[in-house]
PDB file of N, CA and C in Angstrom:
ATOM      1  N   MET A   1      24.627  38.589   6.086  1.00  0.00           N
ATOM      2  CA  MET A   1      25.111  37.566   5.164  1.00  0.00           C
ATOM      3  C   MET A   1      26.610  37.679   4.956  1.00  0.00           C
ATOM      4  N   ALA A   2      27.102  38.897   4.741  1.00  0.00           N
ATOM      5  CA  ALA A   2      28.533  39.071   4.491  1.00  0.00           C
ATOM      6  C   ALA A   2      29.350  38.695   5.716  1.00  0.00           C
ATOM      7  N   LEU A   3      28.842  38.985   6.898  1.00  0.00           N
ATOM      8  CA  LEU A   3      29.563  38.646   8.117  1.00  0.00           C
ATOM      9  C   LEU A   3      29.665  37.129   8.267  1.00  0.00           C
ATOM     10  N   GLN A   4      28.588  36.416   7.968  1.00  0.00           N
ATOM     11  CA  GLN A   4      28.624  34.962   8.041  1.00  0.00           C
ATOM     12  C   GLN A   4      29.627  34.397   7.037  1.00  0.00           C
ATOM     13  N   LYS A   5      29.677  34.971   5.869  1.00  0.00           N
ATOM     14  CA  LYS A   5      30.598  34.505   4.841  1.00  0.00           C
ATOM     15  C   LYS A   5      32.044  34.730   5.281  1.00  0.00           C
ATOM     16  N   GLN A   6      32.306  35.880   5.885  1.00  0.00           N
ATOM     17  CA  GLN A   6      33.646  36.198   6.371  1.00  0.00           C
ATOM     18  C   GLN A   6      34.042  35.262   7.516  1.00  0.00           C
ATOM     19  N   GLU A   7      33.106  35.007   8.423  1.00  0.00           N
ATOM     20  CA  GLU A   7      33.383  34.091   9.528  1.00  0.00           C
ATOM     21  C   GLU A   7      33.683  32.689   9.016  1.00  0.00           C
ATOM     22  N   ARG A   8      32.955  32.255   8.012  1.00  0.00           N
ATOM     23  CA  ARG A   8      33.167  30.939   7.409  1.00  0.00           C
ATOM     24  C   ARG A   8      34.570  30.864   6.815  1.00  0.00           C
ATOM     25  N   ARG A   9      34.985  31.895   6.093  1.00  0.00           N
ATOM     26  CA  ARG A   9      36.313  31.916   5.488  1.00  0.00           C
ATOM     27  C   ARG A   9      37.394  31.889   6.564  1.00  0.00           C
ATOM     28  N   GLU A  10      37.177  32.619   7.657  1.00  0.00           N
ATOM     29  CA  GLU A  10      38.150  32.625   8.754  1.00  0.00           C
ATOM     30  C   GLU A  10      38.295  31.248   9.389  1.00  0.00           C
ATOM     31  N   ARG A  11      37.172  30.527   9.552  1.00  0.00           N
ATOM     32  CA  ARG A  11      37.239  29.168  10.107  1.00  0.00           C
ATOM     33  C   ARG A  11      38.010  28.243   9.170  1.00  0.00           C
ATOM     34  N   ILE A  12      37.729  28.337   7.873  1.00  0.00           N
ATOM     35  CA  ILE A  12      38.434  27.512   6.888  1.00  0.00           C
ATOM     36  C   ILE A  12      39.919  27.861   6.897  1.00  0.00           C
ATOM     37  N   LYS A  13      40.225  29.150   6.977  1.00  0.00           N
ATOM     38  CA  LYS A  13      41.612  29.620   6.980  1.00  0.00           C
ATOM     39  C   LYS A  13      42.382  29.033   8.163  1.00  0.00           C
ATOM     40  N   LYS A  14      41.780  29.058   9.343  1.00  0.00           N
ATOM     41  CA  LYS A  14      42.437  28.498  10.528  1.00  0.00           C
ATOM     42  C   LYS A  14      42.667  27.007  10.377  1.00  0.00           C
ATOM     43  N   ARG A  15      41.710  26.319   9.784  1.00  0.00           N
ATOM     44  CA  ARG A  15      41.833  24.877   9.579  1.00  0.00           C
ATOM     45  C   ARG A  15      42.978  24.562   8.620  1.00  0.00           C
ATOM     46  N   ILE A  16      43.117  25.376   7.578  1.00  0.00           N
ATOM     47  CA  ILE A  16      44.189  25.180   6.604  1.00  0.00           C
ATOM     48  C   ILE A  16      45.542  25.478   7.240  1.00  0.00           C
ATOM     49  N   ARG A  17      45.624  26.566   8.007  1.00  0.00           N
ATOM     50  CA  ARG A  17      46.900  27.011   8.570  1.00  0.00           C
ATOM     51  C   ARG A  17      47.436  26.070   9.640  1.00  0.00           C
ATOM     52  N   LYS A  18      46.574  25.190  10.197  1.00  0.00           N
ATOM     53  CA  LYS A  18      47.062  24.183  11.117  1.00  0.00           C
ATOM     54  C   LYS A  18      47.984  23.208  10.394  1.00  0.00           C
ATOM     55  N   ILE A  19      47.721  22.990   9.121  1.00  0.00           N
ATOM     56  CA  ILE A  19      48.451  22.008   8.323  1.00  0.00           C
ATOM     57  C   ILE A  19      49.552  22.666   7.501  1.00  0.00           C
ATOM     58  N   VAL A  20      49.236  23.774   6.839  1.00  0.00           N
ATOM     59  CA  VAL A  20      50.161  24.427   5.913  1.00  0.00           C
ATOM     60  C   VAL A  20      51.107  25.332   6.691  1.00  0.00           C
ATOM     61  N   PHE A  21      52.402  25.028   6.590  1.00  0.00           N
ATOM     62  CA  PHE A  21      53.421  25.814   7.281  1.00  0.00           C
ATOM     63  C   PHE A  21      54.605  25.973   6.349  1.00  0.00           C
ATOM     64  N   GLY A  22      55.065  27.206   6.170  1.00  0.00           N
ATOM     65  CA  GLY A  22      56.176  27.471   5.269  1.00  0.00           C
ATOM     66  C   GLY A  22      57.502  27.455   6.003  1.00  0.00           C
ATOM     67  N   SER A  23      58.430  26.670   5.502  1.00  0.00           N
ATOM     68  CA  SER A  23      59.763  26.618   6.101  1.00  0.00           C
ATOM     69  C   SER A  23      60.744  27.339   5.185  1.00  0.00           C
ATOM     70  N   THR A  24      62.014  27.308   5.549  1.00  0.00           N
ATOM     71  CA  THR A  24      63.027  27.959   4.726  1.00  0.00           C
ATOM     72  C   THR A  24      63.178  27.243   3.384  1.00  0.00           C
ATOM     73  N   GLN A  25      63.112  25.907   3.405  1.00  0.00           N
ATOM     74  CA  GLN A  25      63.246  25.144   2.166  1.00  0.00           C
ATOM     75  C   GLN A  25      61.985  25.228   1.304  1.00  0.00           C
ATOM     76  N   THR A  26      60.823  25.148   1.936  1.00  0.00           N
ATOM     77  CA  THR A  26      59.556  25.232   1.205  1.00  0.00           C
ATOM     78  C   THR A  26      58.676  26.304   1.838  1.00  0.00           C
ATOM     79  N   PRO A  27      58.825  27.557   1.412  1.00  0.00           N
ATOM     80  CA  PRO A  27      57.995  28.629   1.969  1.00  0.00           C
ATOM     81  C   PRO A  27      56.536  28.508   1.517  1.00  0.00           C
ATOM     82  N   ARG A  28      55.700  29.308   2.132  1.00  0.00           N
ATOM     83  CA  ARG A  28      54.263  29.277   1.868  1.00  0.00           C
ATOM     84  C   ARG A  28      53.905  30.339   0.841  1.00  0.00           C
ATOM     85  N   LEU A  29      53.153  29.939  -0.181  1.00  0.00           N
ATOM     86  CA  LEU A  29      52.619  30.875  -1.176  1.00  0.00           C
ATOM     87  C   LEU A  29      51.187  31.191  -0.770  1.00  0.00           C
ATOM     88  N   SER A  30      50.977  32.385  -0.224  1.00  0.00           N
ATOM     89  CA  SER A  30      49.674  32.797   0.281  1.00  0.00           C
ATOM     90  C   SER A  30      48.995  33.720  -0.721  1.00  0.00           C
ATOM     91  N   VAL A  31      47.713  33.486  -0.947  1.00  0.00           N
ATOM     92  CA  VAL A  31      46.938  34.281  -1.897  1.00  0.00           C
ATOM     93  C   VAL A  31      45.840  35.020  -1.144  1.00  0.00           C
ATOM     94  N   PHE A  32      45.705  36.314  -1.419  1.00  0.00           N
ATOM     95  CA  PHE A  32      44.595  37.104  -0.878  1.00  0.00           C
ATOM     96  C   PHE A  32      43.887  37.761  -2.044  1.00  0.00           C
ATOM     97  N   ARG A  33      42.571  37.682  -2.035  1.00  0.00           N
ATOM     98  CA  ARG A  33      41.828  38.350  -3.100  1.00  0.00           C
ATOM     99  C   ARG A  33      40.804  39.290  -2.504  1.00  0.00           C
ATOM    100  N   SER A  34      40.730  40.474  -3.084  1.00  0.00           N
ATOM    101  CA  SER A  34      39.674  41.411  -2.737  1.00  0.00           C
ATOM    102  C   SER A  34      38.705  41.407  -3.915  1.00  0.00           C
ATOM    103  N   ASN A  35      37.736  42.281  -3.881  1.00  0.00           N
ATOM    104  CA  ASN A  35      36.772  42.294  -4.980  1.00  0.00           C
ATOM    105  C   ASN A  35      37.412  42.691  -6.308  1.00  0.00           C
ATOM    106  N   LYS A  36      38.423  43.576  -6.258  1.00  0.00           N
ATOM    107  CA  LYS A  36      39.015  44.062  -7.500  1.00  0.00           C
ATOM    108  C   LYS A  36      40.445  43.588  -7.732  1.00  0.00           C
ATOM    109  N   GLN A  37      41.203  43.321  -6.671  1.00  0.00           N
ATOM    110  CA  GLN A  37      42.626  43.014  -6.801  1.00  0.00           C
ATOM    111  C   GLN A  37      42.925  41.614  -6.283  1.00  0.00           C
ATOM    112  N   ILE A  38      44.141  41.149  -6.589  1.00  0.00           N
ATOM    113  CA  ILE A  38      44.618  39.881  -6.052  1.00  0.00           C
ATOM    114  C   ILE A  38      46.082  40.048  -5.679  1.00  0.00           C
ATOM    115  N   TYR A  39      46.470  39.439  -4.576  1.00  0.00           N
ATOM    116  CA  TYR A  39      47.816  39.583  -4.035  1.00  0.00           C
ATOM    117  C   TYR A  39      48.377  38.194  -3.745  1.00  0.00           C
ATOM    118  N   ALA A  40      49.682  38.021  -3.930  1.00  0.00           N
ATOM    119  CA  ALA A  40      50.348  36.759  -3.610  1.00  0.00           C
ATOM    120  C   ALA A  40      51.645  37.071  -2.886  1.00  0.00           C
ATOM    121  N   GLN A  41      51.940  36.282  -1.850  1.00  0.00           N
ATOM    122  CA  GLN A  41      53.168  36.453  -1.079  1.00  0.00           C
ATOM    123  C   GLN A  41      53.828  35.098  -0.876  1.00  0.00           C
ATOM    124  N   ILE A  42      55.143  35.090  -0.886  1.00  0.00           N
ATOM    125  CA  ILE A  42      55.894  33.907  -0.498  1.00  0.00           C
ATOM    126  C   ILE A  42      56.467  34.201   0.878  1.00  0.00           C
ATOM    127  N   ILE A  43      56.078  33.382   1.863  1.00  0.00           N
ATOM    128  CA  ILE A  43      56.364  33.666   3.266  1.00  0.00           C
ATOM    129  C   ILE A  43      57.147  32.522   3.894  1.00  0.00           C
ATOM    130  N   ASP A  44      58.187  32.882   4.647  1.00  0.00           N
ATOM    131  CA  ASP A  44      58.920  31.929   5.475  1.00  0.00           C
ATOM    132  C   ASP A  44      58.361  32.052   6.889  1.00  0.00           C
ATOM    133  N   ASP A  45      57.586  31.068   7.316  1.00  0.00           N
ATOM    134  CA  ASP A  45      56.927  31.145   8.619  1.00  0.00           C
ATOM    135  C   ASP A  45      57.891  30.944   9.777  1.00  0.00           C
ATOM    136  N   GLU A  46      59.014  30.297   9.539  1.00  0.00           N
ATOM    137  CA  GLU A  46      59.983  30.097  10.617  1.00  0.00           C
ATOM    138  C   GLU A  46      60.574  31.423  11.081  1.00  0.00           C
ATOM    139  N   SER A  47      60.921  32.283  10.125  1.00  0.00           N
ATOM    140  CA  SER A  47      61.477  33.585  10.482  1.00  0.00           C
ATOM    141  C   SER A  47      60.422  34.683  10.473  1.00  0.00           C
ATOM    142  N   GLY A  48      59.230  34.386   9.952  1.00  0.00           N
ATOM    143  CA  GLY A  48      58.143  35.365   9.919  1.00  0.00           C
ATOM    144  C   GLY A  48      58.374  36.474   8.919  1.00  0.00           C
ATOM    145  N   LYS A  49      59.038  36.160   7.795  1.00  0.00           N
ATOM    146  CA  LYS A  49      59.351  37.187   6.811  1.00  0.00           C
ATOM    147  C   LYS A  49      58.742  36.869   5.456  1.00  0.00           C
ATOM    148  N   THR A  50      58.353  37.928   4.758  1.00  0.00           N
ATOM    149  CA  THR A  50      57.890  37.806   3.389  1.00  0.00           C
ATOM    150  C   THR A  50      59.107  37.843   2.481  1.00  0.00           C
ATOM    151  N   LEU A  51      59.276  36.810   1.671  1.00  0.00           N
ATOM    152  CA  LEU A  51      60.440  36.704   0.796  1.00  0.00           C
ATOM    153  C   LEU A  51      60.198  37.363  -0.559  1.00  0.00           C
ATOM    154  N   ALA A  52      58.975  37.268  -1.065  1.00  0.00           N
ATOM    155  CA  ALA A  52      58.627  37.878  -2.353  1.00  0.00           C
ATOM    156  C   ALA A  52      57.121  38.138  -2.366  1.00  0.00           C
ATOM    157  N   TYR A  53      56.724  39.119  -3.151  1.00  0.00           N
ATOM    158  CA  TYR A  53      55.296  39.410  -3.262  1.00  0.00           C
ATOM    159  C   TYR A  53      54.995  39.928  -4.658  1.00  0.00           C
ATOM    160  N   ALA A  54      53.751  39.807  -5.046  1.00  0.00           N
ATOM    161  CA  ALA A  54      53.274  40.338  -6.325  1.00  0.00           C
ATOM    162  C   ALA A  54      51.795  40.641  -6.160  1.00  0.00           C
ATOM    163  N   SER A  55      51.315  41.620  -6.900  1.00  0.00           N
ATOM    164  CA  SER A  55      49.892  41.937  -6.848  1.00  0.00           C
ATOM    165  C   SER A  55      49.434  42.466  -8.194  1.00  0.00           C
ATOM    166  N   SER A  56      48.139  42.566  -8.341  1.00  0.00           N
ATOM    167  CA  SER A  56      47.571  43.096  -9.583  1.00  0.00           C
ATOM    168  C   SER A  56      47.683  44.615  -9.638  1.00  0.00           C
ATOM    169  N   LEU A  57      48.236  45.241  -8.606  1.00  0.00           N
ATOM    170  CA  LEU A  57      48.448  46.687  -8.599  1.00  0.00           C
ATOM    171  C   LEU A  57      49.796  47.083  -9.214  1.00  0.00           C
ATOM    172  N   GLU A  58      50.651  46.105  -9.524  1.00  0.00           N
ATOM    173  CA  GLU A  58      51.945  46.422 -10.121  1.00  0.00           C
ATOM    174  C   GLU A  58      51.714  47.033 -11.500  1.00  0.00           C
ATOM    175  N   LYS A  59      52.601  47.939 -11.889  1.00  0.00           N
ATOM    176  CA  LYS A  59      52.372  48.784 -13.060  1.00  0.00           C
ATOM    177  C   LYS A  59      52.044  48.015 -14.335  1.00  0.00           C
ATOM    178  N   ASP A  60      52.854  46.994 -14.653  1.00  0.00           N
ATOM    179  CA  ASP A  60      52.628  46.282 -15.912  1.00  0.00           C
ATOM    180  C   ASP A  60      51.320  45.481 -15.899  1.00  0.00           C
ATOM    181  N   ILE A  61      50.915  44.972 -14.752  1.00  0.00           N
ATOM    182  CA  ILE A  61      49.665  44.213 -14.664  1.00  0.00           C
ATOM    183  C   ILE A  61      48.465  45.159 -14.624  1.00  0.00           C
ATOM    184  N   ALA A  62      48.571  46.253 -13.866  1.00  0.00           N
ATOM    185  CA  ALA A  62      47.464  47.206 -13.773  1.00  0.00           C
ATOM    186  C   ALA A  62      47.191  47.869 -15.120  1.00  0.00           C
ATOM    187  N   ALA A  63      48.241  48.071 -15.919  1.00  0.00           N
ATOM    188  CA  ALA A  63      48.072  48.710 -17.222  1.00  0.00           C
ATOM    189  C   ALA A  63      47.475  47.757 -18.255  1.00  0.00           C
ATOM    190  N   ALA A  64      47.601  46.465 -18.023  1.00  0.00           N
ATOM    191  CA  ALA A  64      47.098  45.477 -18.979  1.00  0.00           C
ATOM    192  C   ALA A  64      45.576  45.433 -18.945  1.00  0.00           C
ATOM    193  N   THR A  65      45.004  45.113 -20.081  1.00  0.00           N
ATOM    194  CA  THR A  65      43.555  44.960 -20.137  1.00  0.00           C
ATOM    195  C   THR A  65      43.242  43.471 -20.076  1.00  0.00           C
ATOM    196  N   GLY A  66      42.111  43.148 -19.519  1.00  0.00           N
ATOM    197  CA  GLY A  66      41.708  41.755 -19.414  1.00  0.00           C
ATOM    198  C   GLY A  66      40.814  41.552 -18.215  1.00  0.00           C
ATOM    199  N   THR A  67      40.376  40.317 -18.063  1.00  0.00           N
ATOM    200  CA  THR A  67      39.498  40.001 -16.940  1.00  0.00           C
ATOM    201  C   THR A  67      40.327  39.869 -15.665  1.00  0.00           C
ATOM    202  N   LYS A  68      39.628  39.777 -14.537  1.00  0.00           N
ATOM    203  CA  LYS A  68      40.320  39.622 -13.262  1.00  0.00           C
ATOM    204  C   LYS A  68      41.062  38.285 -13.213  1.00  0.00           C
ATOM    205  N   SER A  69      40.513  37.256 -13.840  1.00  0.00           N
ATOM    206  CA  SER A  69      41.186  35.954 -13.863  1.00  0.00           C
ATOM    207  C   SER A  69      42.468  36.015 -14.685  1.00  0.00           C
ATOM    208  N   GLU A  70      42.449  36.767 -15.777  1.00  0.00           N
ATOM    209  CA  GLU A  70      43.655  36.916 -16.599  1.00  0.00           C
ATOM    210  C   GLU A  70      44.728  37.683 -15.835  1.00  0.00           C
ATOM    211  N   LYS A  71      44.317  38.703 -15.097  1.00  0.00           N
ATOM    212  CA  LYS A  71      45.283  39.456 -14.291  1.00  0.00           C
ATOM    213  C   LYS A  71      45.824  38.586 -13.154  1.00  0.00           C
ATOM    214  N   ALA A  72      44.977  37.716 -12.602  1.00  0.00           N
ATOM    215  CA  ALA A  72      45.428  36.799 -11.556  1.00  0.00           C
ATOM    216  C   ALA A  72      46.483  35.847 -12.108  1.00  0.00           C
ATOM    217  N   ALA A  73      46.318  35.417 -13.352  1.00  0.00           N
ATOM    218  CA  ALA A  73      47.322  34.555 -13.985  1.00  0.00           C
ATOM    219  C   ALA A  73      48.637  35.308 -14.151  1.00  0.00           C
ATOM    220  N   MET A  74      48.561  36.589 -14.477  1.00  0.00           N
ATOM    221  CA  MET A  74      49.776  37.402 -14.594  1.00  0.00           C
ATOM    222  C   MET A  74      50.485  37.511 -13.243  1.00  0.00           C
ATOM    223  N   VAL A  75      49.699  37.641 -12.163  1.00  0.00           N
ATOM    224  CA  VAL A  75      50.277  37.709 -10.816  1.00  0.00           C
ATOM    225  C   VAL A  75      50.970  36.389 -10.488  1.00  0.00           C
ATOM    226  N   GLY A  76      50.347  35.267 -10.850  1.00  0.00           N
ATOM    227  CA  GLY A  76      50.957  33.958 -10.617  1.00  0.00           C
ATOM    228  C   GLY A  76      52.272  33.795 -11.356  1.00  0.00           C
ATOM    229  N   LYS A  77      52.302  34.248 -12.593  1.00  0.00           N
ATOM    230  CA  LYS A  77      53.540  34.176 -13.386  1.00  0.00           C
ATOM    231  C   LYS A  77      54.617  35.073 -12.777  1.00  0.00           C
ATOM    232  N   LEU A  78      54.229  36.270 -12.338  1.00  0.00           N
ATOM    233  CA  LEU A  78      55.180  37.211 -11.751  1.00  0.00           C
ATOM    234  C   LEU A  78      55.756  36.685 -10.439  1.00  0.00           C
ATOM    235  N   ILE A  79      54.919  36.084  -9.597  1.00  0.00           N
ATOM    236  CA  ILE A  79      55.413  35.565  -8.317  1.00  0.00           C
ATOM    237  C   ILE A  79      56.343  34.380  -8.560  1.00  0.00           C
ATOM    238  N   ALA A  80      56.073  33.592  -9.603  1.00  0.00           N
ATOM    239  CA  ALA A  80      56.963  32.478  -9.940  1.00  0.00           C
ATOM    240  C   ALA A  80      58.322  33.005 -10.396  1.00  0.00           C
ATOM    241  N   ASP A  81      58.317  34.075 -11.191  1.00  0.00           N
ATOM    242  CA  ASP A  81      59.578  34.665 -11.647  1.00  0.00           C
ATOM    243  C   ASP A  81      60.374  35.234 -10.479  1.00  0.00           C
ATOM    244  N   LYS A  82      59.689  35.909  -9.563  1.00  0.00           N
ATOM    245  CA  LYS A  82      60.374  36.479  -8.398  1.00  0.00           C
ATOM    246  C   LYS A  82      60.920  35.374  -7.488  1.00  0.00           C
ATOM    247  N   ALA A  83      60.187  34.271  -7.384  1.00  0.00           N
ATOM    248  CA  ALA A  83      60.655  33.150  -6.567  1.00  0.00           C
ATOM    249  C   ALA A  83      61.902  32.523  -7.171  1.00  0.00           C
ATOM    250  N   LYS A  84      61.910  32.368  -8.486  1.00  0.00           N
ATOM    251  CA  LYS A  84      63.094  31.802  -9.144  1.00  0.00           C
ATOM    252  C   LYS A  84      64.298  32.720  -8.985  1.00  0.00           C
ATOM    253  N   ALA A  85      64.062  34.031  -8.967  1.00  0.00           N
ATOM    254  CA  ALA A  85      65.159  34.990  -8.811  1.00  0.00           C
ATOM    255  C   ALA A  85      65.837  34.846  -7.456  1.00  0.00           C
ATOM    256  N   ILE A  86      65.092  34.415  -6.429  1.00  0.00           N
ATOM    257  CA  ILE A  86      65.698  34.215  -5.112  1.00  0.00           C
ATOM    258  C   ILE A  86      65.885  32.723  -4.827  1.00  0.00           C
ATOM    259  N   SER A  87      65.951  31.933  -5.887  1.00  0.00           N
ATOM    260  CA  SER A  87      66.236  30.483  -5.878  1.00  0.00           C
ATOM    261  C   SER A  87      65.273  29.682  -5.004  1.00  0.00           C
ATOM    262  N   ILE A  88      63.985  29.943  -5.177  1.00  0.00           N
ATOM    263  CA  ILE A  88      62.938  29.142  -4.540  1.00  0.00           C
ATOM    264  C   ILE A  88      62.230  28.382  -5.653  1.00  0.00           C
ATOM    265  N   GLU A  89      62.171  27.049  -5.512  1.00  0.00           N
ATOM    266  CA  GLU A  89      61.531  26.242  -6.542  1.00  0.00           C
ATOM    267  C   GLU A  89      60.320  25.489  -6.025  1.00  0.00           C
ATOM    268  N   GLN A  90      60.274  25.228  -4.706  1.00  0.00           N
ATOM    269  CA  GLN A  90      59.174  24.475  -4.130  1.00  0.00           C
ATOM    270  C   GLN A  90      58.501  25.306  -3.042  1.00  0.00           C
ATOM    271  N   VAL A  91      57.170  25.356  -3.082  1.00  0.00           N
ATOM    272  CA  VAL A  91      56.389  26.088  -2.084  1.00  0.00           C
ATOM    273  C   VAL A  91      55.203  25.232  -1.652  1.00  0.00           C
ATOM    274  N   VAL A  92      54.569  25.632  -0.557  1.00  0.00           N
ATOM    275  CA  VAL A  92      53.284  25.047  -0.182  1.00  0.00           C
ATOM    276  C   VAL A  92      52.227  26.113  -0.442  1.00  0.00           C
ATOM    277  N   PHE A  93      51.107  25.721  -1.002  1.00  0.00           N
ATOM    278  CA  PHE A  93      50.085  26.677  -1.429  1.00  0.00           C
ATOM    279  C   PHE A  93      49.065  26.892  -0.322  1.00  0.00           C
ATOM    280  N   ASP A  94      48.821  28.152   0.002  1.00  0.00           N
ATOM    281  CA  ASP A  94      47.837  28.542   1.011  1.00  0.00           C
ATOM    282  C   ASP A  94      46.744  29.330   0.313  1.00  0.00           C
ATOM    283  N   ARG A  95      45.575  28.729   0.163  1.00  0.00           N
ATOM    284  CA  ARG A  95      44.487  29.408  -0.534  1.00  0.00           C
ATOM    285  C   ARG A  95      43.751  30.386   0.372  1.00  0.00           C
ATOM    286  N   ASN A  96      44.153  30.437   1.641  1.00  0.00           N
ATOM    287  CA  ASN A  96      43.703  31.473   2.569  1.00  0.00           C
ATOM    288  C   ASN A  96      42.196  31.437   2.836  1.00  0.00           C
ATOM    289  N   GLY A  97      41.598  30.262   2.772  1.00  0.00           N
ATOM    290  CA  GLY A  97      40.178  30.136   3.064  1.00  0.00           C
ATOM    291  C   GLY A  97      39.270  30.305   1.863  1.00  0.00           C
ATOM    292  N   TYR A  98      39.828  30.667   0.725  1.00  0.00           N
ATOM    293  CA  TYR A  98      39.024  30.833  -0.489  1.00  0.00           C
ATOM    294  C   TYR A  98      38.852  29.482  -1.175  1.00  0.00           C
ATOM    295  N   LEU A  99      37.779  29.335  -1.928  1.00  0.00           N
ATOM    296  CA  LEU A  99      37.588  28.124  -2.704  1.00  0.00           C
ATOM    297  C   LEU A  99      38.624  28.074  -3.821  1.00  0.00           C
ATOM    298  N   TYR A 100      39.064  26.871  -4.146  1.00  0.00           N
ATOM    299  CA  TYR A 100      40.096  26.714  -5.168  1.00  0.00           C
ATOM    300  C   TYR A 100      39.447  26.694  -6.552  1.00  0.00           C
ATOM    301  N   HIS A 101      39.046  27.857  -7.002  1.00  0.00           N
ATOM    302  CA  HIS A 101      38.554  28.014  -8.366  1.00  0.00           C
ATOM    303  C   HIS A 101      38.630  29.484  -8.725  1.00  0.00           C
ATOM    304  N   GLY A 102      38.426  29.801  -9.978  1.00  0.00           N
ATOM    305  CA  GLY A 102      38.450  31.195 -10.409  1.00  0.00           C
ATOM    306  C   GLY A 102      39.828  31.805 -10.307  1.00  0.00           C
ATOM    307  N   ARG A 103      39.912  32.967  -9.639  1.00  0.00           N
ATOM    308  CA  ARG A 103      41.169  33.716  -9.575  1.00  0.00           C
ATOM    309  C   ARG A 103      42.236  33.000  -8.760  1.00  0.00           C
ATOM    310  N   VAL A 104      41.835  32.322  -7.698  1.00  0.00           N
ATOM    311  CA  VAL A 104      42.808  31.603  -6.869  1.00  0.00           C
ATOM    312  C   VAL A 104      43.445  30.476  -7.688  1.00  0.00           C
ATOM    313  N   LYS A 105      42.637  29.771  -8.433  1.00  0.00           N
ATOM    314  CA  LYS A 105      43.150  28.697  -9.287  1.00  0.00           C
ATOM    315  C   LYS A 105      44.028  29.259 -10.400  1.00  0.00           C
ATOM    316  N   SER A 106      43.668  30.420 -10.939  1.00  0.00           N
ATOM    317  CA  SER A 106      44.474  31.049 -11.987  1.00  0.00           C
ATOM    318  C   SER A 106      45.873  31.383 -11.488  1.00  0.00           C
ATOM    319  N   VAL A 107      45.965  31.896 -10.266  1.00  0.00           N
ATOM    320  CA  VAL A 107      47.271  32.208  -9.675  1.00  0.00           C
ATOM    321  C   VAL A 107      48.083  30.931  -9.525  1.00  0.00           C
ATOM    322  N   ALA A 108      47.460  29.874  -9.005  1.00  0.00           N
ATOM    323  CA  ALA A 108      48.168  28.612  -8.772  1.00  0.00           C
ATOM    324  C   ALA A 108      48.642  27.986 -10.076  1.00  0.00           C
ATOM    325  N   ASP A 109      47.776  27.949 -11.077  1.00  0.00           N
ATOM    326  CA  ASP A 109      48.148  27.345 -12.363  1.00  0.00           C
ATOM    327  C   ASP A 109      49.271  28.113 -13.040  1.00  0.00           C
ATOM    328  N   ALA A 110      49.200  29.444 -13.003  1.00  0.00           N
ATOM    329  CA  ALA A 110      50.239  30.261 -13.632  1.00  0.00           C
ATOM    330  C   ALA A 110      51.566  30.123 -12.884  1.00  0.00           C
ATOM    331  N   ALA A 111      51.513  29.993 -11.563  1.00  0.00           N
ATOM    332  CA  ALA A 111      52.741  29.802 -10.787  1.00  0.00           C
ATOM    333  C   ALA A 111      53.365  28.457 -11.124  1.00  0.00           C
ATOM    334  N   ARG A 112      52.544  27.439 -11.318  1.00  0.00           N
ATOM    335  CA  ARG A 112      53.071  26.135 -11.722  1.00  0.00           C
ATOM    336  C   ARG A 112      53.707  26.213 -13.115  1.00  0.00           C
ATOM    337  N   GLU A 113      53.041  26.909 -14.042  1.00  0.00           N
ATOM    338  CA  GLU A 113      53.605  27.080 -15.378  1.00  0.00           C
ATOM    339  C   GLU A 113      54.910  27.846 -15.331  1.00  0.00           C
ATOM    340  N   GLY A 114      55.014  28.777 -14.376  1.00  0.00           N
ATOM    341  CA  GLY A 114      56.233  29.564 -14.216  1.00  0.00           C
ATOM    342  C   GLY A 114      57.387  28.783 -13.599  1.00  0.00           C
ATOM    343  N   GLY A 115      57.123  27.561 -13.134  1.00  0.00           N
ATOM    344  CA  GLY A 115      58.197  26.724 -12.636  1.00  0.00           C
ATOM    345  C   GLY A 115      58.150  26.395 -11.156  1.00  0.00           C
ATOM    346  N   LEU A 116      57.164  26.911 -10.416  1.00  0.00           N
ATOM    347  CA  LEU A 116      57.062  26.570  -9.001  1.00  0.00           C
ATOM    348  C   LEU A 116      56.430  25.184  -8.851  1.00  0.00           C
ATOM    349  N   LYS A 117      56.889  24.450  -7.864  1.00  0.00           N
ATOM    350  CA  LYS A 117      56.325  23.131  -7.589  1.00  0.00           C
ATOM    351  C   LYS A 117      55.604  23.167  -6.248  1.00  0.00           C
ATOM    352  N   PHE A 118      54.357  22.673  -6.255  1.00  0.00           N
ATOM    353  CA  PHE A 118      53.605  22.518  -5.001  1.00  0.00           C
ATOM    354  C   PHE A 118      52.500  21.522  -5.176  1.00  0.00           C
TER     355      PHE A 118
END
């Protein structure tokens, strides 16, 4: 069952990545979630470099108490702050094959509240 679920996510991911491409002006905001943690990266696909990243393992977020969705919102806010620090205001969102609800949606909503446009 888990293998089928992983294969399904990989197929969805490939389908999304055909369309979603991060450029220098509008980099890609990619979200990865594991069972316990959540990670977000801002990636410039033209140069193949990660411009900024945030995760729930960072000290201030890991020390905070709350649900995984609340921590995901903190990651979204943090990635928005880091993006503004390097003068990025517009990104394209890559949900990485995950359904757009729960923690993935929390990251996206918090990033929008933090000032990112996508």
